Amino acid sequence: MPWVVLRAADMGIRGAETPADLEAHAALRAWLEAIRLACGPLRDLGDVGENSVPKMTQVSAPRQRGVIATRTFIAHRCHKTIGVLGAVPVVTACFLEGTGL
């Protein structure tokens, strides 16, 4: 499953925003969509304008306990939780050298 993992700070947010706050942030959603559309051809997916891939997840420092906090966008909605298919690429990104996670 194609996935894009971004640091919240690189998105201009703290990572503590609620899904409703993020969905109301029109400039952020437009920026995420531009990245998503650009990633389609880079992953040999072609025009992904009508697709739900690649999925987008932001990571940040944990808000309570844990190692990281996430918010996932599939494709234009911010979800309250992260699913197993989303957790795998996030964990992988955390272990890849040079990702800054």
PDB file of N, CA and C in Angstrom:
ATOM      1  N   MET A   1       0.842  -1.174   0.000  1.00  0.00           N
ATOM      2  CA  MET A   1       0.000   0.000   0.000  1.00  0.00           C
ATOM      3  C   MET A   1       0.887   1.237   0.000  1.00  0.00           C
ATOM      4  N   PRO A   2       0.778   2.086  -0.992  1.00  0.00           N
ATOM      5  CA  PRO A   2       1.583   3.309  -1.030  1.00  0.00           C
ATOM      6  C   PRO A   2       1.210   4.259   0.107  1.00  0.00           C
ATOM      7  N   TRP A   3       2.220   4.766   0.787  1.00  0.00           N
ATOM      8  CA  TRP A   3       2.004   5.621   1.952  1.00  0.00           C
ATOM      9  C   TRP A   3       3.030   6.731   1.970  1.00  0.00           C
ATOM     10  N   VAL A   4       2.634   7.914   2.439  1.00  0.00           N
ATOM     11  CA  VAL A   4       3.535   9.042   2.637  1.00  0.00           C
ATOM     12  C   VAL A   4       3.493   9.383   4.114  1.00  0.00           C
ATOM     13  N   VAL A   5       4.656   9.439   4.747  1.00  0.00           N
ATOM     14  CA  VAL A   5       4.758   9.766   6.168  1.00  0.00           C
ATOM     15  C   VAL A   5       5.484  11.103   6.277  1.00  0.00           C
ATOM     16  N   LEU A   6       4.846  12.059   6.945  1.00  0.00           N
ATOM     17  CA  LEU A   6       5.383  13.413   7.081  1.00  0.00           C
ATOM     18  C   LEU A   6       5.475  13.807   8.549  1.00  0.00           C
ATOM     19  N   ARG A   7       6.503  14.557   8.895  1.00  0.00           N
ATOM     20  CA  ARG A   7       6.595  15.106  10.252  1.00  0.00           C
ATOM     21  C   ARG A   7       5.619  16.268  10.373  1.00  0.00           C
ATOM     22  N   ALA A   8       4.915  16.344  11.495  1.00  0.00           N
ATOM     23  CA  ALA A   8       3.954  17.423  11.727  1.00  0.00           C
ATOM     24  C   ALA A   8       4.624  18.784  11.587  1.00  0.00           C
ATOM     25  N   ALA A   9       5.819  18.913  12.122  1.00  0.00           N
ATOM     26  CA  ALA A   9       6.524  20.204  12.043  1.00  0.00           C
ATOM     27  C   ALA A   9       6.746  20.634  10.598  1.00  0.00           C
ATOM     28  N   ASP A  10       7.006  19.676   9.706  1.00  0.00           N
ATOM     29  CA  ASP A  10       7.199  19.996   8.284  1.00  0.00           C
ATOM     30  C   ASP A  10       5.891  20.409   7.618  1.00  0.00           C
ATOM     31  N   MET A  11       4.778  20.074   8.267  1.00  0.00           N
ATOM     32  CA  MET A  11       3.462  20.428   7.746  1.00  0.00           C
ATOM     33  C   MET A  11       2.971  21.750   8.337  1.00  0.00           C
ATOM     34  N   GLY A  12       3.769  22.334   9.250  1.00  0.00           N
ATOM     35  CA  GLY A  12       3.382  23.593   9.881  1.00  0.00           C
ATOM     36  C   GLY A  12       2.356  23.423  10.987  1.00  0.00           C
ATOM     37  N   ILE A  13       2.276  22.223  11.554  1.00  0.00           N
ATOM     38  CA  ILE A  13       1.339  21.975  12.653  1.00  0.00           C
ATOM     39  C   ILE A  13       2.100  21.364  13.833  1.00  0.00           C
ATOM     40  N   ARG A  14       1.458  21.303  14.982  1.00  0.00           N
ATOM     41  CA  ARG A  14       2.085  20.755  16.190  1.00  0.00           C
ATOM     42  C   ARG A  14       1.948  19.242  16.270  1.00  0.00           C
ATOM     43  N   GLY A  15       0.867  18.714  15.723  1.00  0.00           N
ATOM     44  CA  GLY A  15       0.583  17.293  15.846  1.00  0.00           C
ATOM     45  C   GLY A  15      -0.423  16.995  16.931  1.00  0.00           C
ATOM     46  N   ALA A  16      -0.852  18.019  17.653  1.00  0.00           N
ATOM     47  CA  ALA A  16      -1.843  17.846  18.716  1.00  0.00           C
ATOM     48  C   ALA A  16      -3.235  18.273  18.264  1.00  0.00           C
ATOM     49  N   GLU A  17      -3.353  18.697  17.025  1.00  0.00           N
ATOM     50  CA  GLU A  17      -4.641  19.153  16.498  1.00  0.00           C
ATOM     51  C   GLU A  17      -5.620  17.981  16.412  1.00  0.00           C
ATOM     52  N   THR A  18      -6.884  18.289  16.564  1.00  0.00           N
ATOM     53  CA  THR A  18      -7.915  17.256  16.423  1.00  0.00           C
ATOM     54  C   THR A  18      -8.167  16.990  14.938  1.00  0.00           C
ATOM     55  N   PRO A  19      -8.744  15.838  14.617  1.00  0.00           N
ATOM     56  CA  PRO A  19      -9.108  15.605  13.213  1.00  0.00           C
ATOM     57  C   PRO A  19     -10.003  16.724  12.661  1.00  0.00           C
ATOM     58  N   ALA A  20     -10.932  17.213  13.463  1.00  0.00           N
ATOM     59  CA  ALA A  20     -11.814  18.296  13.004  1.00  0.00           C
ATOM     60  C   ALA A  20     -11.018  19.562  12.698  1.00  0.00           C
ATOM     61  N   ASP A  21     -10.040  19.888  13.542  1.00  0.00           N
ATOM     62  CA  ASP A  21      -9.190  21.062  13.289  1.00  0.00           C
ATOM     63  C   ASP A  21      -8.428  20.907  11.983  1.00  0.00           C
ATOM     64  N   LEU A  22      -7.892  19.714  11.752  1.00  0.00           N
ATOM     65  CA  LEU A  22      -7.110  19.469  10.543  1.00  0.00           C
ATOM     66  C   LEU A  22      -7.985  19.498   9.296  1.00  0.00           C
ATOM     67  N   GLU A  23      -9.190  18.960   9.390  1.00  0.00           N
ATOM     68  CA  GLU A  23     -10.096  19.001   8.230  1.00  0.00           C
ATOM     69  C   GLU A  23     -10.547  20.415   7.921  1.00  0.00           C
ATOM     70  N   ALA A  24     -10.595  21.274   8.936  1.00  0.00           N
ATOM     71  CA  ALA A  24     -11.013  22.660   8.730  1.00  0.00           C
ATOM     72  C   ALA A  24      -9.867  23.527   8.189  1.00  0.00           C
ATOM     73  N   HIS A  25      -8.654  23.021   8.197  1.00  0.00           N
ATOM     74  CA  HIS A  25      -7.462  23.759   7.764  1.00  0.00           C
ATOM     75  C   HIS A  25      -7.312  23.596   6.247  1.00  0.00           C
ATOM     76  N   ALA A  26      -7.985  24.456   5.500  1.00  0.00           N
ATOM     77  CA  ALA A  26      -8.048  24.325   4.039  1.00  0.00           C
ATOM     78  C   ALA A  26      -6.678  24.381   3.382  1.00  0.00           C
ATOM     79  N   ALA A  27      -5.809  25.271   3.836  1.00  0.00           N
ATOM     80  CA  ALA A  27      -4.478  25.388   3.221  1.00  0.00           C
ATOM     81  C   ALA A  27      -3.664  24.112   3.445  1.00  0.00           C
ATOM     82  N   LEU A  28      -3.749  23.534   4.621  1.00  0.00           N
ATOM     83  CA  LEU A  28      -3.040  22.288   4.904  1.00  0.00           C
ATOM     84  C   LEU A  28      -3.563  21.162   4.033  1.00  0.00           C
ATOM     85  N   ARG A  29      -4.863  21.046   3.917  1.00  0.00           N
ATOM     86  CA  ARG A  29      -5.453  19.986   3.095  1.00  0.00           C
ATOM     87  C   ARG A  29      -5.063  20.144   1.625  1.00  0.00           C
ATOM     88  N   ALA A  30      -5.021  21.367   1.138  1.00  0.00           N
ATOM     89  CA  ALA A  30      -4.607  21.609  -0.256  1.00  0.00           C
ATOM     90  C   ALA A  30      -3.142  21.232  -0.447  1.00  0.00           C
ATOM     91  N   TRP A  31      -2.290  21.552   0.520  1.00  0.00           N
ATOM     92  CA  TRP A  31      -0.875  21.202   0.462  1.00  0.00           C
ATOM     93  C   TRP A  31      -0.699  19.694   0.465  1.00  0.00           C
ATOM     94  N   LEU A  32      -1.425  18.989   1.349  1.00  0.00           N
ATOM     95  CA  LEU A  32      -1.364  17.527   1.398  1.00  0.00           C
ATOM     96  C   LEU A  32      -1.825  16.905   0.082  1.00  0.00           C
ATOM     97  N   GLU A  33      -2.867  17.458  -0.495  1.00  0.00           N
ATOM     98  CA  GLU A  33      -3.367  16.926  -1.762  1.00  0.00           C
ATOM     99  C   GLU A  33      -2.352  17.137  -2.886  1.00  0.00           C
ATOM    100  N   ALA A  34      -1.680  18.273  -2.884  1.00  0.00           N
ATOM    101  CA  ALA A  34      -0.658  18.524  -3.900  1.00  0.00           C
ATOM    102  C   ALA A  34       0.475  17.508  -3.775  1.00  0.00           C
ATOM    103  N   ILE A  35       0.877  17.203  -2.548  1.00  0.00           N
ATOM    104  CA  ILE A  35       1.918  16.195  -2.328  1.00  0.00           C
ATOM    105  C   ILE A  35       1.418  14.828  -2.774  1.00  0.00           C
ATOM    106  N   ARG A  36       0.199  14.487  -2.395  1.00  0.00           N
ATOM    107  CA  ARG A  36      -0.369  13.190  -2.761  1.00  0.00           C
ATOM    108  C   ARG A  36      -0.413  13.024  -4.279  1.00  0.00           C
ATOM    109  N   LEU A  37      -0.862  14.050  -4.974  1.00  0.00           N
ATOM    110  CA  LEU A  37      -0.943  13.993  -6.438  1.00  0.00           C
ATOM    111  C   LEU A  37       0.438  13.886  -7.071  1.00  0.00           C
ATOM    112  N   ALA A  38       1.430  14.563  -6.492  1.00  0.00           N
ATOM    113  CA  ALA A  38       2.790  14.484  -7.020  1.00  0.00           C
ATOM    114  C   ALA A  38       3.410  13.112  -6.773  1.00  0.00           C
ATOM    115  N   CYS A  39       3.033  12.475  -5.685  1.00  0.00           N
ATOM    116  CA  CYS A  39       3.591  11.153  -5.353  1.00  0.00           C
ATOM    117  C   CYS A  39       3.041  10.046  -6.249  1.00  0.00           C
ATOM    118  N   GLY A  40       1.861  10.224  -6.796  1.00  0.00           N
ATOM    119  CA  GLY A  40       1.277   9.198  -7.660  1.00  0.00           C
ATOM    120  C   GLY A  40       2.199   8.769  -8.788  1.00  0.00           C
ATOM    121  N   PRO A  41       2.639   9.690  -9.631  1.00  0.00           N
ATOM    122  CA  PRO A  41       3.545   9.309 -10.718  1.00  0.00           C
ATOM    123  C   PRO A  41       4.896   8.809 -10.203  1.00  0.00           C
ATOM    124  N   LEU A  42       5.364   9.340  -9.075  1.00  0.00           N
ATOM    125  CA  LEU A  42       6.645   8.892  -8.535  1.00  0.00           C
ATOM    126  C   LEU A  42       6.616   7.428  -8.110  1.00  0.00           C
ATOM    127  N   ARG A  43       5.444   6.942  -7.767  1.00  0.00           N
ATOM    128  CA  ARG A  43       5.281   5.534  -7.365  1.00  0.00           C
ATOM    129  C   ARG A  43       4.705   4.694  -8.496  1.00  0.00           C
ATOM    130  N   ASP A  44       4.733   5.226  -9.698  1.00  0.00           N
ATOM    131  CA  ASP A  44       4.180   4.547 -10.882  1.00  0.00           C
ATOM    132  C   ASP A  44       2.695   4.255 -10.747  1.00  0.00           C
ATOM    133  N   LEU A  45       1.976   5.140 -10.059  1.00  0.00           N
ATOM    134  CA  LEU A  45       0.535   4.996  -9.904  1.00  0.00           C
ATOM    135  C   LEU A  45      -0.236   5.869 -10.886  1.00  0.00           C
ATOM    136  N   GLY A  46       0.472   6.723 -11.604  1.00  0.00           N
ATOM    137  CA  GLY A  46      -0.180   7.624 -12.541  1.00  0.00           C
ATOM    138  C   GLY A  46      -0.971   8.698 -11.827  1.00  0.00           C
ATOM    139  N   ASP A  47      -2.043   9.137 -12.450  1.00  0.00           N
ATOM    140  CA  ASP A  47      -2.916  10.168 -11.878  1.00  0.00           C
ATOM    141  C   ASP A  47      -3.745   9.543 -10.763  1.00  0.00           C
ATOM    142  N   VAL A  48      -3.523   9.993  -9.534  1.00  0.00           N
ATOM    143  CA  VAL A  48      -4.229   9.429  -8.379  1.00  0.00           C
ATOM    144  C   VAL A  48      -5.368  10.340  -7.906  1.00  0.00           C
ATOM    145  N   GLY A  49      -5.723  11.301  -8.736  1.00  0.00           N
ATOM    146  CA  GLY A  49      -6.741  12.270  -8.355  1.00  0.00           C
ATOM    147  C   GLY A  49      -8.050  11.669  -7.874  1.00  0.00           C
ATOM    148  N   GLU A  50      -8.464  10.561  -8.447  1.00  0.00           N
ATOM    149  CA  GLU A  50      -9.727   9.929  -8.069  1.00  0.00           C
ATOM    150  C   GLU A  50      -9.525   8.713  -7.159  1.00  0.00           C
ATOM    151  N   ASN A  51      -8.286   8.468  -6.733  1.00  0.00           N
ATOM    152  CA  ASN A  51      -7.975   7.308  -5.903  1.00  0.00           C
ATOM    153  C   ASN A  51      -7.804   7.698  -4.440  1.00  0.00           C
ATOM    154  N   SER A  52      -7.721   6.703  -3.587  1.00  0.00           N
ATOM    155  CA  SER A  52      -7.477   6.966  -2.168  1.00  0.00           C
ATOM    156  C   SER A  52      -6.020   6.694  -1.790  1.00  0.00           C
ATOM    157  N   VAL A  53      -5.178   6.449  -2.782  1.00  0.00           N
ATOM    158  CA  VAL A  53      -3.756   6.240  -2.530  1.00  0.00           C
ATOM    159  C   VAL A  53      -2.959   7.306  -3.262  1.00  0.00           C
ATOM    160  N   PRO A  54      -1.783   7.643  -2.798  1.00  0.00           N
ATOM    161  CA  PRO A  54      -1.200   7.162  -1.563  1.00  0.00           C
ATOM    162  C   PRO A  54      -1.889   7.768  -0.344  1.00  0.00           C
ATOM    163  N   LYS A  55      -1.882   7.003   0.734  1.00  0.00           N
ATOM    164  CA  LYS A  55      -2.407   7.472   2.011  1.00  0.00           C
ATOM    165  C   LYS A  55      -1.363   8.405   2.626  1.00  0.00           C
ATOM    166  N   MET A  56      -1.807   9.305   3.482  1.00  0.00           N
ATOM    167  CA  MET A  56      -0.911  10.297   4.080  1.00  0.00           C
ATOM    168  C   MET A  56      -1.021  10.218   5.601  1.00  0.00           C
ATOM    169  N   THR A  57       0.122  10.183   6.295  1.00  0.00           N
ATOM    170  CA  THR A  57       0.124  10.183   7.754  1.00  0.00           C
ATOM    171  C   THR A  57       1.141  11.187   8.261  1.00  0.00           C
ATOM    172  N   GLN A  58       0.729  11.967   9.255  1.00  0.00           N
ATOM    173  CA  GLN A  58       1.670  12.865   9.918  1.00  0.00           C
ATOM    174  C   GLN A  58       2.057  12.245  11.243  1.00  0.00           C
ATOM    175  N   VAL A  59       3.312  12.439  11.623  1.00  0.00           N
ATOM    176  CA  VAL A  59       3.810  11.941  12.902  1.00  0.00           C
ATOM    177  C   VAL A  59       4.361  13.109  13.713  1.00  0.00           C
ATOM    178  N   SER A  60       4.243  12.969  15.027  1.00  0.00           N
ATOM    179  CA  SER A  60       4.755  13.991  15.935  1.00  0.00           C
ATOM    180  C   SER A  60       5.092  13.325  17.258  1.00  0.00           C
ATOM    181  N   ALA A  61       5.602  14.116  18.173  1.00  0.00           N
ATOM    182  CA  ALA A  61       5.885  13.610  19.518  1.00  0.00           C
ATOM    183  C   ALA A  61       4.570  13.159  20.154  1.00  0.00           C
ATOM    184  N   PRO A  62       4.635  12.193  21.060  1.00  0.00           N
ATOM    185  CA  PRO A  62       3.401  11.714  21.690  1.00  0.00           C
ATOM    186  C   PRO A  62       2.750  12.808  22.537  1.00  0.00           C
ATOM    187  N   ARG A  63       1.438  12.793  22.580  1.00  0.00           N
ATOM    188  CA  ARG A  63       0.702  13.765  23.385  1.00  0.00           C
ATOM    189  C   ARG A  63       0.589  13.308  24.832  1.00  0.00           C
ATOM    190  N   GLN A  64       0.639  12.029  25.069  1.00  0.00           N
ATOM    191  CA  GLN A  64       0.558  11.495  26.430  1.00  0.00           C
ATOM    192  C   GLN A  64       1.716  10.523  26.621  1.00  0.00           C
ATOM    193  N   ARG A  65       1.463   9.259  26.482  1.00  0.00           N
ATOM    194  CA  ARG A  65       2.528   8.258  26.558  1.00  0.00           C
ATOM    195  C   ARG A  65       2.761   7.708  25.164  1.00  0.00           C
ATOM    196  N   GLY A  66       3.833   6.981  25.032  1.00  0.00           N
ATOM    197  CA  GLY A  66       4.120   6.353  23.754  1.00  0.00           C
ATOM    198  C   GLY A  66       5.371   6.904  23.122  1.00  0.00           C
ATOM    199  N   VAL A  67       5.542   6.583  21.857  1.00  0.00           N
ATOM    200  CA  VAL A  67       6.739   6.977  21.133  1.00  0.00           C
ATOM    201  C   VAL A  67       6.432   8.082  20.133  1.00  0.00           C
ATOM    202  N   ILE A  68       5.304   7.960  19.419  1.00  0.00           N
ATOM    203  CA  ILE A  68       4.903   8.955  18.429  1.00  0.00           C
ATOM    204  C   ILE A  68       3.392   9.123  18.488  1.00  0.00           C
ATOM    205  N   ALA A  69       2.926  10.188  17.880  1.00  0.00           N
ATOM    206  CA  ALA A  69       1.489  10.418  17.678  1.00  0.00           C
ATOM    207  C   ALA A  69       1.277  10.536  16.175  1.00  0.00           C
ATOM    208  N   THR A  70       0.107  10.138  15.696  1.00  0.00           N
ATOM    209  CA  THR A  70      -0.165  10.184  14.261  1.00  0.00           C
ATOM    210  C   THR A  70      -1.544  10.752  13.976  1.00  0.00           C
ATOM    211  N   ARG A  71      -1.692  11.235  12.766  1.00  0.00           N
ATOM    212  CA  ARG A  71      -2.982  11.563  12.170  1.00  0.00           C
ATOM    213  C   ARG A  71      -2.890  11.086  10.729  1.00  0.00           C
ATOM    214  N   THR A  72      -3.888  10.336  10.299  1.00  0.00           N
ATOM    215  CA  THR A  72      -3.869   9.762   8.962  1.00  0.00           C
ATOM    216  C   THR A  72      -4.959  10.373   8.098  1.00  0.00           C
ATOM    217  N   PHE A  73      -4.595  10.687   6.866  1.00  0.00           N
ATOM    218  CA  PHE A  73      -5.513  11.270   5.887  1.00  0.00           C
ATOM    219  C   PHE A  73      -5.725  10.251   4.773  1.00  0.00           C
ATOM    220  N   ILE A  74      -6.960   9.797   4.612  1.00  0.00           N
ATOM    221  CA  ILE A  74      -7.311   8.829   3.561  1.00  0.00           C
ATOM    222  C   ILE A  74      -8.562   9.337   2.871  1.00  0.00           C
ATOM    223  N   ALA A  75      -8.556   9.638   1.652  1.00  0.00           N
ATOM    224  CA  ALA A  75      -7.613  10.427   0.929  1.00  0.00           C
ATOM    225  C   ALA A  75      -7.810  11.886   1.324  1.00  0.00           C
ATOM    226  N   HIS A  76      -9.010  12.280   1.610  1.00  0.00           N
ATOM    227  CA  HIS A  76      -9.251  13.688   1.935  1.00  0.00           C
ATOM    228  C   HIS A  76      -9.847  13.866   3.323  1.00  0.00           C
ATOM    229  N   ARG A  77      -9.923  12.807   4.084  1.00  0.00           N
ATOM    230  CA  ARG A  77     -10.486  12.857   5.435  1.00  0.00           C
ATOM    231  C   ARG A  77      -9.411  12.536   6.448  1.00  0.00           C
ATOM    232  N   CYS A  78      -9.420  13.244   7.561  1.00  0.00           N
ATOM    233  CA  CYS A  78      -8.493  12.964   8.645  1.00  0.00           C
ATOM    234  C   CYS A  78      -9.171  11.991   9.601  1.00  0.00           C
ATOM    235  N   HIS A  79      -8.548  10.870   9.829  1.00  0.00           N
ATOM    236  CA  HIS A  79      -9.123   9.824  10.659  1.00  0.00           C
ATOM    237  C   HIS A  79      -8.678   9.953  12.114  1.00  0.00           C
ATOM    238  N   LYS A  80      -9.517   9.497  13.019  1.00  0.00           N
ATOM    239  CA  LYS A  80      -9.228   9.583  14.453  1.00  0.00           C
ATOM    240  C   LYS A  80      -8.248   8.519  14.906  1.00  0.00           C
ATOM    241  N   THR A  81      -8.109   7.441  14.155  1.00  0.00           N
ATOM    242  CA  THR A  81      -7.231   6.336  14.531  1.00  0.00           C
ATOM    243  C   THR A  81      -6.348   5.959  13.358  1.00  0.00           C
ATOM    244  N   ILE A  82      -5.393   5.107  13.630  1.00  0.00           N
ATOM    245  CA  ILE A  82      -4.544   4.574  12.570  1.00  0.00           C
ATOM    246  C   ILE A  82      -4.776   3.074  12.506  1.00  0.00           C
ATOM    247  N   GLY A  83      -4.947   2.561  11.320  1.00  0.00           N
ATOM    248  CA  GLY A  83      -5.175   1.133  11.144  1.00  0.00           C
ATOM    249  C   GLY A  83      -3.870   0.371  11.009  1.00  0.00           C
ATOM    250  N   VAL A  84      -3.969  -0.925  10.979  1.00  0.00           N
ATOM    251  CA  VAL A  84      -2.788  -1.772  10.858  1.00  0.00           C
ATOM    252  C   VAL A  84      -2.034  -1.452   9.572  1.00  0.00           C
ATOM    253  N   LEU A  85      -2.758  -1.272   8.468  1.00  0.00           N
ATOM    254  CA  LEU A  85      -2.076  -0.957   7.210  1.00  0.00           C
ATOM    255  C   LEU A  85      -1.352   0.380   7.273  1.00  0.00           C
ATOM    256  N   GLY A  86      -1.791   1.270   8.133  1.00  0.00           N
ATOM    257  CA  GLY A  86      -1.105   2.548   8.305  1.00  0.00           C
ATOM    258  C   GLY A  86       0.027   2.471   9.305  1.00  0.00           C
ATOM    259  N   ALA A  87      -0.122   1.622  10.298  1.00  0.00           N
ATOM    260  CA  ALA A  87       0.905   1.501  11.331  1.00  0.00           C
ATOM    261  C   ALA A  87       2.202   0.927  10.773  1.00  0.00           C
ATOM    262  N   VAL A  88       2.098  -0.013   9.851  1.00  0.00           N
ATOM    263  CA  VAL A  88       3.298  -0.666   9.309  1.00  0.00           C
ATOM    264  C   VAL A  88       4.221   0.339   8.614  1.00  0.00           C
ATOM    265  N   PRO A  89       3.731   1.178   7.685  1.00  0.00           N
ATOM    266  CA  PRO A  89       4.660   2.123   7.056  1.00  0.00           C
ATOM    267  C   PRO A  89       5.178   3.178   8.031  1.00  0.00           C
ATOM    268  N   VAL A  90       4.380   3.552   9.028  1.00  0.00           N
ATOM    269  CA  VAL A  90       4.846   4.540  10.009  1.00  0.00           C
ATOM    270  C   VAL A  90       5.984   3.953  10.839  1.00  0.00           C
ATOM    271  N   VAL A  91       5.804   2.737  11.322  1.00  0.00           N
ATOM    272  CA  VAL A  91       6.867   2.082  12.097  1.00  0.00           C
ATOM    273  C   VAL A  91       8.108   1.894  11.236  1.00  0.00           C
ATOM    274  N   THR A  92       7.914   1.492   9.987  1.00  0.00           N
ATOM    275  CA  THR A  92       9.042   1.325   9.083  1.00  0.00           C
ATOM    276  C   THR A  92       9.798   2.645   8.921  1.00  0.00           C
ATOM    277  N   ALA A  93       9.071   3.733   8.712  1.00  0.00           N
ATOM    278  CA  ALA A  93       9.699   5.052   8.562  1.00  0.00           C
ATOM    279  C   ALA A  93      10.476   5.442   9.815  1.00  0.00           C
ATOM    280  N   CYS A  94       9.954   5.072  10.975  1.00  0.00           N
ATOM    281  CA  CYS A  94      10.643   5.388  12.228  1.00  0.00           C
ATOM    282  C   CYS A  94      11.985   4.673  12.333  1.00  0.00           C
ATOM    283  N   PHE A  95      12.117   3.527  11.709  1.00  0.00           N
ATOM    284  CA  PHE A  95      13.353   2.755  11.797  1.00  0.00           C
ATOM    285  C   PHE A  95      14.319   3.015  10.642  1.00  0.00           C
ATOM    286  N   LEU A  96      13.869   3.721   9.611  1.00  0.00           N
ATOM    287  CA  LEU A  96      14.740   4.010   8.481  1.00  0.00           C
ATOM    288  C   LEU A  96      15.671   5.177   8.808  1.00  0.00           C
ATOM    289  N   GLU A  97      16.951   4.934   8.641  1.00  0.00           N
ATOM    290  CA  GLU A  97      17.919   5.983   8.901  1.00  0.00           C
ATOM    291  C   GLU A  97      17.723   7.135   7.922  1.00  0.00           C
ATOM    292  N   GLY A  98      17.805   8.351   8.445  1.00  0.00           N
ATOM    293  CA  GLY A  98      17.706   9.520   7.599  1.00  0.00           C
ATOM    294  C   GLY A  98      16.309  10.110   7.462  1.00  0.00           C
ATOM    295  N   THR A  99      15.296   9.463   8.053  1.00  0.00           N
ATOM    296  CA  THR A  99      13.943   9.999   7.940  1.00  0.00           C
ATOM    297  C   THR A  99      13.683  11.111   8.939  1.00  0.00           C
ATOM    298  N   GLY A 100      14.489  11.203   9.984  1.00  0.00           N
ATOM    299  CA  GLY A 100      14.284  12.224  10.998  1.00  0.00           C
ATOM    300  C   GLY A 100      13.166  11.899  11.951  1.00  0.00           C
ATOM    301  N   LEU A 101      12.693  10.657  11.927  1.00  0.00           N
ATOM    302  CA  LEU A 101      11.623  10.262  12.846  1.00  0.00           C
ATOM    303  C   LEU A 101      12.197   9.541  14.036  1.00  0.00           C
TER     304      LEU A 101
END
